[in-house]
Amino acid sequence: MRTLLEFKHVSKQYGSETRALSDVNFAVKEGEFVSIIGPSGAGKSTLLRCINRMIDASSGEIVFDNASVLALNKNELKKLRTRIGMIFQHYNLVNRLSVIENVLHGRLGYKSTLAGVLGLYTKEEKAQAYRLLQVLGLQEQVYKRCDQLSGGQKQRVGIARALVQDPKMLLCDEPIASLDPNSSKVIMEHLRDICSKMGITVVVNLHQVDVAMNYSDRIVGVNKGTVVYDGPPAGLTKEKLRAIYGADYDKLTEEEGGRHVG
């Protein structure tokens, strides 16, 4: 399997005080399911958002699909973003629009500004959006307004919107943090299927260690902006988890004991 994404000595500095990422190095292969775990404020979201340049890294190099991300101009970046779908914790949907209209927004990166404003989508794009909603079990909700959906359904709309882009990679920023355990399980199983059946690479930030252990091929543990673990779930010993979570480790094990997803 070829390498799809590589971080080489990536750092991100906010002002003179805050270093959100510090000399981060790791690579993701095509078709891999990688979870990024770590305590709140460890730099997980910053790391994820540097991949599609929602945040610009301060130094180092990020290579995605053989392109040096930090060197891209505006048009090249727009093109790159069509190949990287993004799923958010709070869904980022337009509540007053229907489910299918929200999904079709995933095609905006391929459109001129005018075509986007006018909502001009081809028959093929509409058919593809409908097919994806069927796969995600939302065929009954196609024409409902998004504000009529449950959180789990909204997140599935977010997944369909990302998939309609025909991406090579999905970035998922805490996709189950706002969901109950049952909805979380449904979302994680869809993401796992997208990876194994569609061959789309998935990189997901997770707060829940047990979920990361259940679904990932590989886990990257981050603490204070630094990668402190990069390896298979089976290698996550108590010592490694302590290195990732530090003083939060004992609190984490209490939480994990209280519920289990997967």
C-alpha atoms as a PDB file:
ATOM      1  CA  MET A   1       0.000   0.000   0.000  1.00  0.00           C
ATOM      2  CA  ARG A   2       1.332   3.393  -0.923  1.00  0.00           C
ATOM      3  CA  THR A   3       1.620   6.313   1.476  1.00  0.00           C
ATOM      4  CA  LEU A   4      -1.244   8.785   1.007  1.00  0.00           C
ATOM      5  CA  LEU A   5      -0.428  11.284   3.761  1.00  0.00           C
ATOM      6  CA  GLU A   6       2.827  12.204   5.457  1.00  0.00           C
ATOM      7  CA  PHE A   7       3.694  14.688   8.204  1.00  0.00           C
ATOM      8  CA  LYS A   8       7.377  15.683   8.266  1.00  0.00           C
ATOM      9  CA  HIS A   9       8.541  17.726  11.268  1.00  0.00           C
ATOM     10  CA  VAL A  10       5.255  19.664  11.416  1.00  0.00           C
ATOM     11  CA  SER A  11       4.831  22.344  14.095  1.00  0.00           C
ATOM     12  CA  LYS A  12       2.087  24.878  14.733  1.00  0.00           C
ATOM     13  CA  GLN A  13       2.661  27.970  16.846  1.00  0.00           C
ATOM     14  CA  TYR A  14      -0.098  30.371  17.973  1.00  0.00           C
ATOM     15  CA  GLY A  15       1.519  33.674  18.962  1.00  0.00           C
ATOM     16  CA  SER A  16       4.721  33.484  20.994  1.00  0.00           C
ATOM     17  CA  GLU A  17       3.294  31.416  23.853  1.00  0.00           C
ATOM     18  CA  THR A  18       1.257  28.500  22.519  1.00  0.00           C
ATOM     19  CA  ARG A  19       2.801  25.627  20.616  1.00  0.00           C
ATOM     20  CA  ALA A  20      -0.125  23.461  19.484  1.00  0.00           C
ATOM     21  CA  LEU A  21       2.004  20.947  17.513  1.00  0.00           C
ATOM     22  CA  SER A  22       5.678  20.198  17.978  1.00  0.00           C
ATOM     23  CA  ASP A  23       7.788  18.288  15.421  1.00  0.00           C
ATOM     24  CA  VAL A  24       5.008  15.862  14.407  1.00  0.00           C
ATOM     25  CA  ASN A  25       6.034  12.970  12.142  1.00  0.00           C
ATOM     26  CA  PHE A  26       3.763  10.165  10.946  1.00  0.00           C
ATOM     27  CA  ALA A  27       2.421   8.644   7.724  1.00  0.00           C
ATOM     28  CA  VAL A  28      -0.905   7.133   6.673  1.00  0.00           C
ATOM     29  CA  LYS A  29      -1.220   4.494   3.979  1.00  0.00           C
ATOM     30  CA  GLU A  30      -4.048   4.260   1.459  1.00  0.00           C
ATOM     31  CA  GLY A  31      -7.011   2.359   2.868  1.00  0.00           C
ATOM     32  CA  GLU A  32      -5.894   2.640   6.512  1.00  0.00           C
ATOM     33  CA  PHE A  33      -8.201   3.497   9.425  1.00  0.00           C
ATOM     34  CA  VAL A  34      -6.186   5.663  11.816  1.00  0.00           C
ATOM     35  CA  SER A  35      -7.450   7.098  15.113  1.00  0.00           C
ATOM     36  CA  ILE A  36      -5.798  10.050  16.834  1.00  0.00           C
ATOM     37  CA  ILE A  37      -6.276  10.014  20.601  1.00  0.00           C
ATOM     38  CA  GLY A  38      -5.133  12.237  23.447  1.00  0.00           C
ATOM     39  CA  PRO A  39      -6.402  14.488  26.238  1.00  0.00           C
ATOM     40  CA  SER A  40      -8.371  17.684  25.556  1.00  0.00           C
ATOM     41  CA  GLY A  41      -6.030  20.402  24.318  1.00  0.00           C
ATOM     42  CA  ALA A  42      -3.400  17.889  23.132  1.00  0.00           C
ATOM     43  CA  GLY A  43      -3.494  19.250  19.548  1.00  0.00           C
ATOM     44  CA  LYS A  44      -5.701  16.568  17.911  1.00  0.00           C
ATOM     45  CA  SER A  45      -8.015  19.045  16.149  1.00  0.00           C
ATOM     46  CA  THR A  46      -5.128  21.262  15.060  1.00  0.00           C
ATOM     47  CA  LEU A  47      -3.330  18.236  13.623  1.00  0.00           C
ATOM     48  CA  LEU A  48      -6.405  17.144  11.644  1.00  0.00           C
ATOM     49  CA  ARG A  49      -7.134  20.653  10.333  1.00  0.00           C
ATOM     50  CA  CYS A  50      -3.562  21.136   9.141  1.00  0.00           C
ATOM     51  CA  ILE A  51      -4.115  18.297   6.633  1.00  0.00           C
ATOM     52  CA  ASN A  52      -6.639  20.275   4.530  1.00  0.00           C
ATOM     53  CA  ARG A  53      -5.218  23.657   5.606  1.00  0.00           C
ATOM     54  CA  MET A  54      -8.225  24.804   7.579  1.00  0.00           C
ATOM     55  CA  ILE A  55      -5.280  25.699   9.810  1.00  0.00           C
ATOM     56  CA  ASP A  56      -1.864  26.502   8.319  1.00  0.00           C
ATOM     57  CA  ALA A  57       1.066  24.703   9.936  1.00  0.00           C
ATOM     58  CA  SER A  58       3.913  27.038  10.980  1.00  0.00           C
ATOM     59  CA  SER A  59       6.740  24.793   9.785  1.00  0.00           C
ATOM     60  CA  GLY A  60       7.530  21.368   8.362  1.00  0.00           C
ATOM     61  CA  GLU A  61       5.937  19.634   5.407  1.00  0.00           C
ATOM     62  CA  ILE A  62       2.614  17.866   4.851  1.00  0.00           C
ATOM     63  CA  VAL A  63       2.395  15.688   1.747  1.00  0.00           C
ATOM     64  CA  PHE A  64      -1.024  14.456   0.605  1.00  0.00           C
ATOM     65  CA  ASP A  65      -1.329  12.300  -2.517  1.00  0.00           C
ATOM     66  CA  ASN A  66       2.147  13.445  -3.668  1.00  0.00           C
ATOM     67  CA  ALA A  67       1.296  17.158  -3.286  1.00  0.00           C
ATOM     68  CA  SER A  68       3.058  19.421  -0.788  1.00  0.00           C
ATOM     69  CA  VAL A  69       0.005  20.901   0.951  1.00  0.00           C
ATOM     70  CA  LEU A  70       1.645  24.044   2.365  1.00  0.00           C
ATOM     71  CA  ALA A  71       2.975  25.045  -1.066  1.00  0.00           C
ATOM     72  CA  LEU A  72      -0.421  25.027  -2.831  1.00  0.00           C
ATOM     73  CA  ASN A  73      -1.995  28.212  -4.183  1.00  0.00           C
ATOM     74  CA  LYS A  74      -5.698  29.011  -3.692  1.00  0.00           C
ATOM     75  CA  ASN A  75      -6.956  27.098  -6.750  1.00  0.00           C
ATOM     76  CA  GLU A  76      -4.754  24.088  -6.084  1.00  0.00           C
ATOM     77  CA  LEU A  77      -5.963  24.021  -2.476  1.00  0.00           C
ATOM     78  CA  LYS A  78      -9.610  24.075  -3.604  1.00  0.00           C
ATOM     79  CA  LYS A  79      -8.868  21.074  -5.830  1.00  0.00           C
ATOM     80  CA  LEU A  80      -7.054  19.256  -3.010  1.00  0.00           C
ATOM     81  CA  ARG A  81     -10.016  19.777  -0.665  1.00  0.00           C
ATOM     82  CA  THR A  82     -12.342  17.954  -3.070  1.00  0.00           C
ATOM     83  CA  ARG A  83     -10.244  14.832  -2.352  1.00  0.00           C
ATOM     84  CA  ILE A  84     -10.416  15.237   1.430  1.00  0.00           C
ATOM     85  CA  GLY A  85     -13.881  14.928   2.982  1.00  0.00           C
ATOM     86  CA  MET A  86     -14.401  16.471   6.426  1.00  0.00           C
ATOM     87  CA  ILE A  87     -16.839  15.371   9.140  1.00  0.00           C
ATOM     88  CA  PHE A  88     -17.401  17.641  12.146  1.00  0.00           C
ATOM     89  CA  GLN A  89     -18.471  17.096  15.742  1.00  0.00           C
ATOM     90  CA  HIS A  90     -21.407  19.519  15.371  1.00  0.00           C
ATOM     91  CA  TYR A  91     -22.318  18.375  11.834  1.00  0.00           C
ATOM     92  CA  ASN A  92     -22.004  21.822  10.096  1.00  0.00           C
ATOM     93  CA  LEU A  93     -25.292  21.340   8.232  1.00  0.00           C
ATOM     94  CA  VAL A  94     -27.686  24.042   6.993  1.00  0.00           C
ATOM     95  CA  ASN A  95     -30.691  23.205   9.182  1.00  0.00           C
ATOM     96  CA  ARG A  96     -33.340  24.906   7.040  1.00  0.00           C
ATOM     97  CA  LEU A  97     -32.331  22.916   3.940  1.00  0.00           C
ATOM     98  CA  SER A  98     -33.346  19.354   3.139  1.00  0.00           C
ATOM     99  CA  VAL A  99     -31.114  16.338   3.694  1.00  0.00           C
ATOM    100  CA  ILE A 100     -30.357  15.909  -0.021  1.00  0.00           C
ATOM    101  CA  GLU A 101     -29.580  19.634  -0.471  1.00  0.00           C
ATOM    102  CA  ASN A 102     -27.057  19.404   2.374  1.00  0.00           C
ATOM    103  CA  VAL A 103     -25.457  16.325   0.820  1.00  0.00           C
ATOM    104  CA  LEU A 104     -25.162  18.036  -2.574  1.00  0.00           C
ATOM    105  CA  HIS A 105     -23.164  20.840  -0.906  1.00  0.00           C
ATOM    106  CA  GLY A 106     -20.328  18.311  -0.977  1.00  0.00           C
ATOM    107  CA  ARG A 107     -20.118  18.948  -4.744  1.00  0.00           C
ATOM    108  CA  LEU A 108     -19.517  22.709  -4.377  1.00  0.00           C
ATOM    109  CA  GLY A 109     -15.750  22.278  -4.636  1.00  0.00           C
ATOM    110  CA  TYR A 110     -16.261  21.102  -8.227  1.00  0.00           C
ATOM    111  CA  LYS A 111     -18.476  24.052  -9.232  1.00  0.00           C
ATOM    112  CA  SER A 112     -18.007  27.628 -10.330  1.00  0.00           C
ATOM    113  CA  THR A 113     -19.226  30.147  -7.751  1.00  0.00           C
ATOM    114  CA  LEU A 114     -22.303  30.925  -9.869  1.00  0.00           C
ATOM    115  CA  ALA A 115     -23.304  27.267 -10.339  1.00  0.00           C
ATOM    116  CA  GLY A 116     -22.889  26.813  -6.564  1.00  0.00           C
ATOM    117  CA  VAL A 117     -25.047  29.832  -5.708  1.00  0.00           C
ATOM    118  CA  LEU A 118     -27.757  28.706  -8.137  1.00  0.00           C
ATOM    119  CA  GLY A 119     -27.623  25.128  -6.867  1.00  0.00           C
ATOM    120  CA  LEU A 120     -27.013  23.662 -10.320  1.00  0.00           C
ATOM    121  CA  TYR A 121     -26.397  19.941  -9.869  1.00  0.00           C
ATOM    122  CA  THR A 122     -26.406  17.274 -12.546  1.00  0.00           C
ATOM    123  CA  LYS A 123     -28.736  14.278 -12.656  1.00  0.00           C
ATOM    124  CA  GLU A 124     -25.723  12.056 -11.897  1.00  0.00           C
ATOM    125  CA  GLU A 125     -24.810  14.106  -8.810  1.00  0.00           C
ATOM    126  CA  LYS A 126     -28.386  13.888  -7.488  1.00  0.00           C
ATOM    127  CA  ALA A 127     -28.478  10.129  -8.140  1.00  0.00           C
ATOM    128  CA  GLN A 128     -25.159   9.659  -6.364  1.00  0.00           C
ATOM    129  CA  ALA A 129     -26.357  11.689  -3.360  1.00  0.00           C
ATOM    130  CA  TYR A 130     -29.513   9.559  -3.151  1.00  0.00           C
ATOM    131  CA  ARG A 131     -27.492   6.313  -3.412  1.00  0.00           C
ATOM    132  CA  LEU A 132     -25.213   7.375  -0.563  1.00  0.00           C
ATOM    133  CA  LEU A 133     -28.194   8.263   1.624  1.00  0.00           C
ATOM    134  CA  GLN A 134     -29.600   4.776   0.957  1.00  0.00           C
ATOM    135  CA  VAL A 135     -26.294   3.162   1.952  1.00  0.00           C
ATOM    136  CA  LEU A 136     -26.370   5.187   5.185  1.00  0.00           C
ATOM    137  CA  GLY A 137     -29.982   4.178   5.935  1.00  0.00           C
ATOM    138  CA  LEU A 138     -31.469   7.644   5.343  1.00  0.00           C
ATOM    139  CA  GLN A 139     -33.700   6.964   2.321  1.00  0.00           C
ATOM    140  CA  GLU A 140     -36.804   7.906   4.388  1.00  0.00           C
ATOM    141  CA  GLN A 141     -35.262  11.271   5.333  1.00  0.00           C
ATOM    142  CA  VAL A 142     -34.146  12.499   1.881  1.00  0.00           C
ATOM    143  CA  TYR A 143     -36.521  15.487   1.700  1.00  0.00           C
ATOM    144  CA  LYS A 144     -36.798  16.266   5.399  1.00  0.00           C
ATOM    145  CA  ARG A 145     -35.313  19.491   6.748  1.00  0.00           C
ATOM    146  CA  CYS A 146     -32.131  18.813   8.668  1.00  0.00           C
ATOM    147  CA  ASP A 147     -33.477  20.414  11.848  1.00  0.00           C
ATOM    148  CA  GLN A 148     -36.006  17.540  12.047  1.00  0.00           C
ATOM    149  CA  LEU A 149     -33.277  14.897  12.404  1.00  0.00           C
ATOM    150  CA  SER A 150     -31.664  13.290  15.429  1.00  0.00           C
ATOM    151  CA  GLY A 151     -27.952  13.840  16.108  1.00  0.00           C
ATOM    152  CA  GLY A 152     -27.016  10.429  14.719  1.00  0.00           C
ATOM    153  CA  GLN A 153     -28.995  11.085  11.528  1.00  0.00           C
ATOM    154  CA  LYS A 154     -27.383  14.516  11.140  1.00  0.00           C
ATOM    155  CA  GLN A 155     -23.936  12.950  11.404  1.00  0.00           C
ATOM    156  CA  ARG A 156     -24.865  10.424   8.689  1.00  0.00           C
ATOM    157  CA  VAL A 157     -25.899  13.353   6.459  1.00  0.00           C
ATOM    158  CA  GLY A 158     -22.465  14.858   7.181  1.00  0.00           C
ATOM    159  CA  ILE A 159     -20.840  11.584   6.111  1.00  0.00           C
ATOM    160  CA  ALA A 160     -22.889  11.469   2.885  1.00  0.00           C
ATOM    161  CA  ARG A 161     -21.915  15.089   2.130  1.00  0.00           C
ATOM    162  CA  ALA A 162     -18.239  14.151   2.528  1.00  0.00           C
ATOM    163  CA  LEU A 163     -18.588  10.994   0.398  1.00  0.00           C
ATOM    164  CA  VAL A 164     -20.354  12.741  -2.490  1.00  0.00           C
ATOM    165  CA  GLN A 165     -17.048  14.575  -3.073  1.00  0.00           C
ATOM    166  CA  ASP A 166     -15.464  11.251  -4.143  1.00  0.00           C
ATOM    167  CA  PRO A 167     -12.675  11.762  -1.599  1.00  0.00           C
ATOM    168  CA  LYS A 168      -9.538   9.700  -1.142  1.00  0.00           C
ATOM    169  CA  MET A 169      -9.551  10.461   2.582  1.00  0.00           C
ATOM    170  CA  LEU A 170     -12.103  11.299   5.277  1.00  0.00           C
ATOM    171  CA  LEU A 171     -11.072  13.507   8.200  1.00  0.00           C
ATOM    172  CA  CYS A 172     -13.423  13.085  11.158  1.00  0.00           C
ATOM    173  CA  ASP A 173     -13.073  15.586  13.996  1.00  0.00           C
ATOM    174  CA  GLU A 174     -14.633  13.996  17.126  1.00  0.00           C
ATOM    175  CA  PRO A 175     -17.549  12.608  15.047  1.00  0.00           C
ATOM    176  CA  ILE A 176     -19.251  10.842  17.987  1.00  0.00           C
ATOM    177  CA  ALA A 177     -18.530  13.299  20.814  1.00  0.00           C
ATOM    178  CA  SER A 178     -22.117  14.676  20.747  1.00  0.00           C
ATOM    179  CA  LEU A 179     -23.844  11.280  20.339  1.00  0.00           C
ATOM    180  CA  ASP A 180     -25.260   8.590  22.625  1.00  0.00           C
ATOM    181  CA  PRO A 181     -23.606   5.123  22.637  1.00  0.00           C
ATOM    182  CA  ASN A 182     -26.044   3.539  20.137  1.00  0.00           C
ATOM    183  CA  SER A 183     -25.697   6.348  17.598  1.00  0.00           C
ATOM    184  CA  SER A 184     -21.925   6.314  18.155  1.00  0.00           C
ATOM    185  CA  LYS A 185     -21.776   2.623  17.292  1.00  0.00           C
ATOM    186  CA  VAL A 186     -23.777   3.189  14.081  1.00  0.00           C
ATOM    187  CA  ILE A 187     -21.472   6.044  12.991  1.00  0.00           C
ATOM    188  CA  MET A 188     -18.276   4.113  13.745  1.00  0.00           C
ATOM    189  CA  GLU A 189     -19.532   1.055  11.852  1.00  0.00           C
ATOM    190  CA  HIS A 190     -20.358   3.208   8.826  1.00  0.00           C
ATOM    191  CA  LEU A 191     -16.877   4.764   8.942  1.00  0.00           C
ATOM    192  CA  ARG A 192     -15.282   1.306   9.222  1.00  0.00           C
ATOM    193  CA  ASP A 193     -17.341   0.097   6.200  1.00  0.00           C
ATOM    194  CA  ILE A 194     -16.394   3.187   4.185  1.00  0.00           C
ATOM    195  CA  CYS A 195     -12.764   2.317   4.827  1.00  0.00           C
ATOM    196  CA  SER A 196     -12.946  -1.447   4.230  1.00  0.00           C
ATOM    197  CA  LYS A 197     -15.583  -1.582   1.449  1.00  0.00           C
ATOM    198  CA  MET A 198     -15.026   1.704  -0.402  1.00  0.00           C
ATOM    199  CA  GLY A 199     -11.257   1.782   0.159  1.00  0.00           C
ATOM    200  CA  ILE A 200     -11.368   5.354   1.473  1.00  0.00           C
ATOM    201  CA  THR A 201      -8.684   6.218   4.035  1.00  0.00           C
ATOM    202  CA  VAL A 202     -10.144   7.392   7.369  1.00  0.00           C
ATOM    203  CA  VAL A 203      -8.365   9.575   9.934  1.00  0.00           C
ATOM    204  CA  VAL A 204     -10.494  10.188  13.016  1.00  0.00           C
ATOM    205  CA  ASN A 205     -10.000  12.149  16.253  1.00  0.00           C
ATOM    206  CA  LEU A 206     -11.518  10.287  19.167  1.00  0.00           C
ATOM    207  CA  HIS A 207     -11.977  11.029  22.822  1.00  0.00           C
ATOM    208  CA  GLN A 208     -12.913   7.396  23.606  1.00  0.00           C
ATOM    209  CA  VAL A 209      -9.963   4.996  23.821  1.00  0.00           C
ATOM    210  CA  ASP A 210     -12.166   1.877  23.739  1.00  0.00           C
ATOM    211  CA  VAL A 211     -13.724   2.991  20.445  1.00  0.00           C
ATOM    212  CA  ALA A 212     -10.285   3.674  18.935  1.00  0.00           C
ATOM    213  CA  MET A 213      -9.136   0.203  20.026  1.00  0.00           C
ATOM    214  CA  ASN A 214     -12.199  -1.461  18.442  1.00  0.00           C
ATOM    215  CA  TYR A 215     -12.180   0.162  15.028  1.00  0.00           C
ATOM    216  CA  SER A 216      -8.644   1.252  14.119  1.00  0.00           C
ATOM    217  CA  ASP A 217      -5.846  -0.346  12.156  1.00  0.00           C
ATOM    218  CA  ARG A 218      -3.498   2.088  13.843  1.00  0.00           C
ATOM    219  CA  ILE A 219      -3.561   4.578  16.686  1.00  0.00           C
ATOM    220  CA  VAL A 220      -1.598   7.814  16.992  1.00  0.00           C
ATOM    221  CA  GLY A 221      -1.413   9.094  20.575  1.00  0.00           C
ATOM    222  CA  VAL A 222      -0.793  12.814  21.054  1.00  0.00           C
ATOM    223  CA  ASN A 223       0.175  14.681  24.216  1.00  0.00           C
ATOM    224  CA  LYS A 224       1.012  18.412  24.354  1.00  0.00           C
ATOM    225  CA  GLY A 225       1.321  18.596  20.558  1.00  0.00           C
ATOM    226  CA  THR A 226       3.787  15.702  20.321  1.00  0.00           C
ATOM    227  CA  VAL A 227       3.241  12.160  19.017  1.00  0.00           C
ATOM    228  CA  VAL A 228       3.985   9.824  21.925  1.00  0.00           C
ATOM    229  CA  TYR A 229       2.544   6.616  20.420  1.00  0.00           C
ATOM    230  CA  ASP A 230       2.163   5.395  16.837  1.00  0.00           C
ATOM    231  CA  GLY A 231       1.275   1.758  16.419  1.00  0.00           C
ATOM    232  CA  PRO A 232      -1.409  -0.951  16.475  1.00  0.00           C
ATOM    233  CA  PRO A 233      -4.234  -0.973  19.066  1.00  0.00           C
ATOM    234  CA  ALA A 234      -2.749  -4.139  20.583  1.00  0.00           C
ATOM    235  CA  GLY A 235       0.385  -2.188  21.549  1.00  0.00           C
ATOM    236  CA  LEU A 236      -1.500   0.319  23.721  1.00  0.00           C
ATOM    237  CA  THR A 237      -0.357  -0.836  27.152  1.00  0.00           C
ATOM    238  CA  LYS A 238      -1.254   0.940  30.402  1.00  0.00           C
ATOM    239  CA  GLU A 239       2.201   2.555  30.336  1.00  0.00           C
ATOM    240  CA  LYS A 240       1.626   3.881  26.811  1.00  0.00           C
ATOM    241  CA  LEU A 241      -1.826   5.201  27.764  1.00  0.00           C
ATOM    242  CA  ARG A 242      -0.262   6.920  30.774  1.00  0.00           C
ATOM    243  CA  ALA A 243       2.286   8.552  28.460  1.00  0.00           C
ATOM    244  CA  ILE A 244      -0.563   9.809  26.227  1.00  0.00           C
ATOM    245  CA  TYR A 245      -2.989  10.943  28.943  1.00  0.00           C
ATOM    246  CA  GLY A 246      -0.617  11.819  31.793  1.00  0.00           C
ATOM    247  CA  ALA A 247      -2.505  12.892  34.912  1.00  0.00           C
ATOM    248  CA  ASP A 248      -5.844  12.348  33.097  1.00  0.00           C
ATOM    249  CA  TYR A 249      -5.181   8.605  32.772  1.00  0.00           C
ATOM    250  CA  ASP A 250      -6.937   7.553  36.023  1.00  0.00           C
ATOM    251  CA  LYS A 251      -9.971   9.710  35.235  1.00  0.00           C
ATOM    252  CA  LEU A 252     -10.078   8.175  31.755  1.00  0.00           C
ATOM    253  CA  THR A 253     -10.109   4.586  33.040  1.00  0.00           C
ATOM    254  CA  GLU A 254     -13.017   5.437  35.343  1.00  0.00           C
ATOM    255  CA  GLU A 255     -14.968   6.851  32.358  1.00  0.00           C
ATOM    256  CA  GLU A 256     -14.134   3.859  30.166  1.00  0.00           C
ATOM    257  CA  GLY A 257     -15.285   1.485  32.874  1.00  0.00           C
ATOM    258  CA  GLY A 258     -18.662   3.210  32.903  1.00  0.00           C
ATOM    259  CA  ARG A 259     -19.543   2.526  29.279  1.00  0.00           C
ATOM    260  CA  HIS A 260     -18.372   0.604  26.284  1.00  0.00           C
ATOM    261  CA  VAL A 261     -19.056   1.279  22.614  1.00  0.00           C
ATOM    262  CA  GLY A 262     -18.566  -1.326  19.911  1.00  0.00           C
END
